Structures are given as C-alpha cells and as structure tokens.
N, C-alpha and C. Protein backbone atom coordinates (compact mmCIF):
# COMPACT_ATOMS: atom_id res chain seq x y z
N UNK A 1 110.52 101.46 92.24
CA UNK A 1 109.74 101.22 93.45
C UNK A 1 109.86 99.75 93.84
N UNK A 2 110.07 99.53 95.12
CA UNK A 2 110.24 98.18 95.62
C UNK A 2 108.89 97.48 95.75
N UNK A 3 108.83 96.24 95.30
CA UNK A 3 107.59 95.46 95.38
C UNK A 3 107.39 94.97 96.82
N UNK A 4 106.17 95.10 97.32
CA UNK A 4 105.86 94.63 98.67
C UNK A 4 105.77 93.11 98.69
N UNK A 5 106.31 92.53 99.74
CA UNK A 5 106.30 91.08 99.86
C UNK A 5 105.17 90.60 100.78
N UNK A 6 104.55 91.52 101.50
CA UNK A 6 103.46 91.16 102.41
C UNK A 6 102.30 92.15 102.23
N UNK A 7 101.24 91.86 102.90
CA UNK A 7 100.11 92.79 102.95
C UNK A 7 99.73 93.03 104.41
N UNK A 8 100.70 92.94 105.29
CA UNK A 8 100.45 93.10 106.71
C UNK A 8 99.92 94.48 107.07
N UNK A 9 100.21 95.48 106.25
CA UNK A 9 99.76 96.85 106.53
C UNK A 9 98.24 96.97 106.45
N UNK A 10 97.57 95.99 105.90
CA UNK A 10 96.12 96.03 105.75
C UNK A 10 95.37 95.54 106.98
N UNK A 11 96.10 95.04 107.95
CA UNK A 11 95.45 94.46 109.13
C UNK A 11 96.24 94.78 110.38
N UNK A 12 95.54 95.19 111.42
CA UNK A 12 96.14 95.47 112.72
C UNK A 12 95.13 95.10 113.79
N UNK A 13 95.62 94.46 114.82
CA UNK A 13 94.72 94.09 115.91
C UNK A 13 95.35 94.50 117.24
N UNK A 14 94.57 95.16 118.07
CA UNK A 14 95.05 95.65 119.37
C UNK A 14 94.24 94.99 120.47
N UNK A 15 94.59 93.77 120.75
CA UNK A 15 93.84 92.97 121.73
C UNK A 15 93.94 93.53 123.15
N UNK A 16 94.94 94.35 123.42
CA UNK A 16 95.10 94.93 124.75
C UNK A 16 94.23 96.17 124.95
N UNK A 17 93.59 96.63 123.90
CA UNK A 17 92.70 97.78 123.99
C UNK A 17 91.56 97.47 124.95
N UNK A 18 91.21 98.44 125.77
CA UNK A 18 90.13 98.26 126.73
C UNK A 18 88.79 97.98 126.07
N UNK A 19 88.66 98.33 124.82
CA UNK A 19 87.39 98.18 124.12
C UNK A 19 87.38 97.02 123.12
N UNK A 20 88.45 96.26 123.05
CA UNK A 20 88.54 95.18 122.06
C UNK A 20 87.62 94.02 122.42
N UNK A 21 86.85 93.54 121.49
CA UNK A 21 86.47 94.20 120.25
C UNK A 21 85.37 95.23 120.53
N UNK A 22 85.40 96.32 119.82
CA UNK A 22 84.47 97.42 120.09
C UNK A 22 83.08 97.16 119.52
N UNK A 23 82.94 96.14 118.68
CA UNK A 23 81.65 95.73 118.12
C UNK A 23 81.49 94.24 118.34
N UNK A 24 80.26 93.79 118.51
CA UNK A 24 80.01 92.36 118.65
C UNK A 24 80.41 91.67 117.36
N UNK A 25 81.13 90.56 117.50
CA UNK A 25 81.58 89.82 116.33
C UNK A 25 81.69 88.34 116.67
N UNK A 26 81.48 87.53 115.67
CA UNK A 26 81.68 86.09 115.82
C UNK A 26 83.04 85.66 115.27
N UNK A 27 83.78 86.64 114.72
CA UNK A 27 85.07 86.35 114.10
C UNK A 27 86.15 87.25 114.70
N UNK A 28 86.38 87.11 115.99
CA UNK A 28 87.34 87.96 116.70
C UNK A 28 88.75 87.84 116.12
N UNK A 29 89.10 86.68 115.62
CA UNK A 29 90.45 86.45 115.06
C UNK A 29 90.74 87.39 113.88
N UNK A 30 89.72 87.73 113.11
CA UNK A 30 89.90 88.59 111.94
C UNK A 30 89.38 90.01 112.16
N UNK A 31 89.17 90.41 113.42
CA UNK A 31 88.68 91.74 113.74
C UNK A 31 89.81 92.75 113.53
N UNK A 32 89.61 93.66 112.59
CA UNK A 32 90.65 94.61 112.19
C UNK A 32 90.47 95.93 112.94
N UNK A 33 91.49 96.35 113.66
CA UNK A 33 91.47 97.61 114.40
C UNK A 33 92.11 98.76 113.61
N UNK A 34 92.57 98.49 112.41
CA UNK A 34 93.27 99.50 111.62
C UNK A 34 92.44 100.76 111.45
N UNK A 35 91.16 100.61 111.19
CA UNK A 35 90.27 101.76 111.03
C UNK A 35 89.41 101.90 112.29
N UNK A 36 90.06 102.08 113.40
CA UNK A 36 89.38 102.20 114.69
C UNK A 36 88.26 103.22 114.62
N UNK A 37 88.55 104.38 114.09
CA UNK A 37 87.53 105.38 113.81
C UNK A 37 87.26 105.30 112.32
N UNK A 38 86.08 104.94 111.95
CA UNK A 38 85.77 104.64 110.56
C UNK A 38 85.89 105.87 109.67
N UNK A 39 86.74 105.81 108.65
CA UNK A 39 86.87 106.94 107.73
C UNK A 39 85.63 107.12 106.85
N UNK A 40 84.75 106.13 106.82
CA UNK A 40 83.56 106.21 105.99
C UNK A 40 82.40 106.92 106.68
N UNK A 41 82.53 107.18 107.96
CA UNK A 41 81.44 107.80 108.73
C UNK A 41 80.96 109.09 108.06
N UNK A 42 81.89 109.89 107.59
CA UNK A 42 81.55 111.20 107.00
C UNK A 42 80.76 111.07 105.70
N UNK A 43 80.72 109.90 105.11
CA UNK A 43 79.99 109.71 103.86
C UNK A 43 78.49 109.55 104.10
N UNK A 44 78.07 109.57 105.34
CA UNK A 44 76.65 109.47 105.65
C UNK A 44 76.02 108.21 105.07
N UNK A 45 74.94 108.39 104.33
CA UNK A 45 74.21 107.26 103.76
C UNK A 45 74.99 106.53 102.66
N UNK A 46 76.07 107.09 102.19
CA UNK A 46 76.85 106.49 101.10
C UNK A 46 78.06 105.69 101.58
N UNK A 47 78.11 105.38 102.85
CA UNK A 47 79.27 104.66 103.38
C UNK A 47 79.27 103.18 103.00
N UNK A 48 78.10 102.61 102.82
CA UNK A 48 78.02 101.19 102.47
C UNK A 48 77.94 100.27 103.67
N UNK A 49 77.84 100.84 104.86
CA UNK A 49 77.81 100.02 106.07
C UNK A 49 76.41 99.79 106.60
N UNK A 50 76.34 99.04 107.67
CA UNK A 50 75.09 98.70 108.34
C UNK A 50 74.86 99.69 109.47
N UNK A 51 74.25 100.81 109.17
CA UNK A 51 74.03 101.86 110.16
C UNK A 51 72.55 102.21 110.22
N UNK A 52 72.22 103.01 111.21
CA UNK A 52 70.88 103.58 111.30
C UNK A 52 71.04 104.99 111.87
N UNK A 53 70.01 105.77 111.76
CA UNK A 53 70.02 107.09 112.37
C UNK A 53 69.15 107.07 113.61
N UNK A 54 69.62 107.74 114.66
CA UNK A 54 68.84 107.82 115.88
C UNK A 54 67.71 108.83 115.67
N UNK A 55 66.81 108.91 116.63
CA UNK A 55 65.72 109.88 116.55
C UNK A 55 66.24 111.31 116.45
N UNK A 56 67.44 111.54 116.99
CA UNK A 56 68.05 112.87 116.96
C UNK A 56 68.82 113.13 115.67
N UNK A 57 68.82 112.17 114.75
CA UNK A 57 69.51 112.34 113.48
C UNK A 57 70.98 112.01 113.50
N UNK A 58 71.45 111.35 114.55
CA UNK A 58 72.86 110.96 114.68
C UNK A 58 73.06 109.59 114.04
N UNK A 59 74.10 109.46 113.27
CA UNK A 59 74.42 108.18 112.62
C UNK A 59 74.95 107.20 113.67
N UNK A 60 74.31 106.05 113.78
CA UNK A 60 74.67 105.02 114.75
C UNK A 60 75.24 103.81 114.01
N UNK A 61 76.52 103.58 114.20
CA UNK A 61 77.22 102.50 113.49
C UNK A 61 77.52 101.31 114.41
N UNK A 62 76.84 101.23 115.52
CA UNK A 62 77.17 100.19 116.49
C UNK A 62 76.95 98.77 115.97
N UNK A 63 76.16 98.60 114.92
CA UNK A 63 75.95 97.27 114.34
C UNK A 63 76.73 97.06 113.05
N UNK A 64 77.67 97.93 112.78
CA UNK A 64 78.43 97.85 111.52
C UNK A 64 79.83 97.30 111.75
N UNK A 65 80.22 96.36 110.90
CA UNK A 65 81.56 95.78 110.97
C UNK A 65 82.39 96.06 109.72
N UNK A 66 81.90 96.90 108.82
CA UNK A 66 82.62 97.15 107.56
C UNK A 66 84.09 97.51 107.80
N UNK A 67 84.42 98.47 108.65
CA UNK A 67 85.83 98.82 108.80
C UNK A 67 86.62 97.79 109.60
N UNK A 68 85.95 96.86 110.22
CA UNK A 68 86.62 95.90 111.10
C UNK A 68 86.79 94.52 110.49
N UNK A 69 86.40 94.34 109.26
CA UNK A 69 86.61 93.04 108.60
C UNK A 69 87.92 93.08 107.83
N UNK A 70 88.71 92.07 108.03
CA UNK A 70 90.02 91.99 107.39
C UNK A 70 89.93 92.19 105.87
N UNK A 71 88.89 91.65 105.25
CA UNK A 71 88.76 91.67 103.79
C UNK A 71 88.33 93.03 103.23
N UNK A 72 87.97 93.99 104.07
CA UNK A 72 87.40 95.25 103.57
C UNK A 72 88.38 96.39 103.39
N UNK A 73 89.66 96.13 103.51
CA UNK A 73 90.66 97.19 103.31
C UNK A 73 90.50 97.84 101.93
N UNK A 74 90.42 97.05 100.89
CA UNK A 74 90.31 97.58 99.53
C UNK A 74 89.01 98.38 99.35
N UNK A 75 87.93 97.92 99.96
CA UNK A 75 86.66 98.66 99.86
C UNK A 75 86.82 100.06 100.47
N UNK A 76 87.40 100.13 101.64
CA UNK A 76 87.58 101.44 102.29
C UNK A 76 88.48 102.32 101.45
N UNK A 77 89.54 101.78 100.90
CA UNK A 77 90.44 102.57 100.06
C UNK A 77 89.73 103.03 98.78
N UNK A 78 88.80 102.24 98.29
CA UNK A 78 88.07 102.62 97.07
C UNK A 78 87.17 103.83 97.31
N UNK A 79 86.86 104.13 98.55
CA UNK A 79 85.99 105.25 98.91
C UNK A 79 86.79 106.52 99.24
N UNK A 80 88.10 106.45 99.13
CA UNK A 80 88.94 107.58 99.55
C UNK A 80 88.61 108.87 98.79
N UNK A 81 88.40 108.80 97.50
CA UNK A 81 88.10 110.02 96.74
C UNK A 81 86.74 110.60 97.13
N UNK A 82 85.81 109.76 97.55
CA UNK A 82 84.53 110.25 98.05
C UNK A 82 84.74 111.02 99.36
N UNK A 83 85.63 110.53 100.19
CA UNK A 83 85.96 111.21 101.45
C UNK A 83 86.63 112.54 101.15
N UNK A 84 87.52 112.55 100.17
CA UNK A 84 88.19 113.80 99.76
C UNK A 84 87.15 114.84 99.34
N UNK A 85 86.14 114.42 98.60
CA UNK A 85 85.10 115.35 98.15
C UNK A 85 84.34 115.95 99.32
N UNK A 86 84.07 115.16 100.34
CA UNK A 86 83.39 115.66 101.53
C UNK A 86 84.23 116.72 102.22
N UNK A 87 85.54 116.51 102.24
CA UNK A 87 86.45 117.42 102.94
C UNK A 87 86.91 118.60 102.09
N UNK A 88 86.66 118.55 100.80
CA UNK A 88 87.14 119.60 99.89
C UNK A 88 86.55 120.96 100.25
N UNK A 89 87.39 121.97 100.21
CA UNK A 89 86.93 123.34 100.45
C UNK A 89 86.07 123.78 99.28
N UNK A 90 84.89 124.23 99.56
CA UNK A 90 83.95 124.65 98.50
C UNK A 90 84.08 126.13 98.21
C-alpha cells in the first residue's frame, strides 16, 4: 500500500456555494465543507455536537460546527461504527 504524502482529503471548501458558510463562524478560512450533511445527525443525542431539540422533537444543529471544523475529521471517522449500528438491519 502506498503511503499518503498529504492529508488534503480531510478538508474541502466550496466558497462558491450559495450557502457558504452554512453556519455562523469566526474561522471561515478553516470551515470544512467535506461533511456538508453531517453524518453524525443520525446518532441523535450521541453525536457529540452542539444541538438542541425543537418543541416538535426535531434535532436542530444550526449552532453546531463539529462537522465543519478542519480538526474534527478524525472525530467523525471515530463515530463511523456507531453510524453503522444505527443503519444495521435488525
């Protein structure tokens, strides 16, 4: 297996997106669009992000930057098996 010389795959930014940045941030330079739709959403209360539930019981992640921080790639990948469990056929 060939050793990777970069870690560019961990970060992507789409500044031309009509919604960029989709969350308020003070660090636009490091705003990561790689996980545009957060893979942790399905984990509910176990996602580790800054969320709240609306009165209707809908998870509101509008104040969460976990998937959009450059440094959180490894954290999201560490939750992959938890996501698999949610999706597993019972």
